[in-house]
Amino acid sequence: MHTLFIFSSNLFFTAKLEALAKQSNYIPQFIKSIDELPQNPAKIILDADHPQAIQIAQKYPKQCYIFISHIKTEYTNELKQLGCMHIYPRSLFFTQFQKIIS
C-alpha cells in the first residue's frame, strides 16, 4: 500500500478523506505543516483552504491533487499558473476520488 499525504484542516473533509483513502488501498497520513513531508512525496491531497496551500502547491505542483470550492475561479487559475494539473471542484473530487488518484 502507498501513502497519501493529506493536508486539510477541516474535520469533515479529514474524516471523509481517511475513509476514501483506506477504501482505495492507500495509507492516509495527515500532515499539518509542509515541513512534515518527506523529500519526494508521490501524492499529496490538498484542501485549497489549507493555510499553507499555496506554499505546498508551489513546491509540489505535480504531486498535488487539489480540491477547491467551485466558486473560487481566480484561486483555481492561480494554482494552474503554479503548474498544478490536478485541481477539482470539491464535489467531483469526493465522488470520483478513486478514479482521480489512480
Foldseek 3Di string as FASTA:
>chain_A
DEEEEEEDPDPVVVVLVCVVCVVLVHHYDYDLDPVPDDPDHQAYEYECPRPCNVVVCLVCQDRYQYEYAPVPVVSVVVSVVSVHDRYYHNVCCSVCVNVSVD
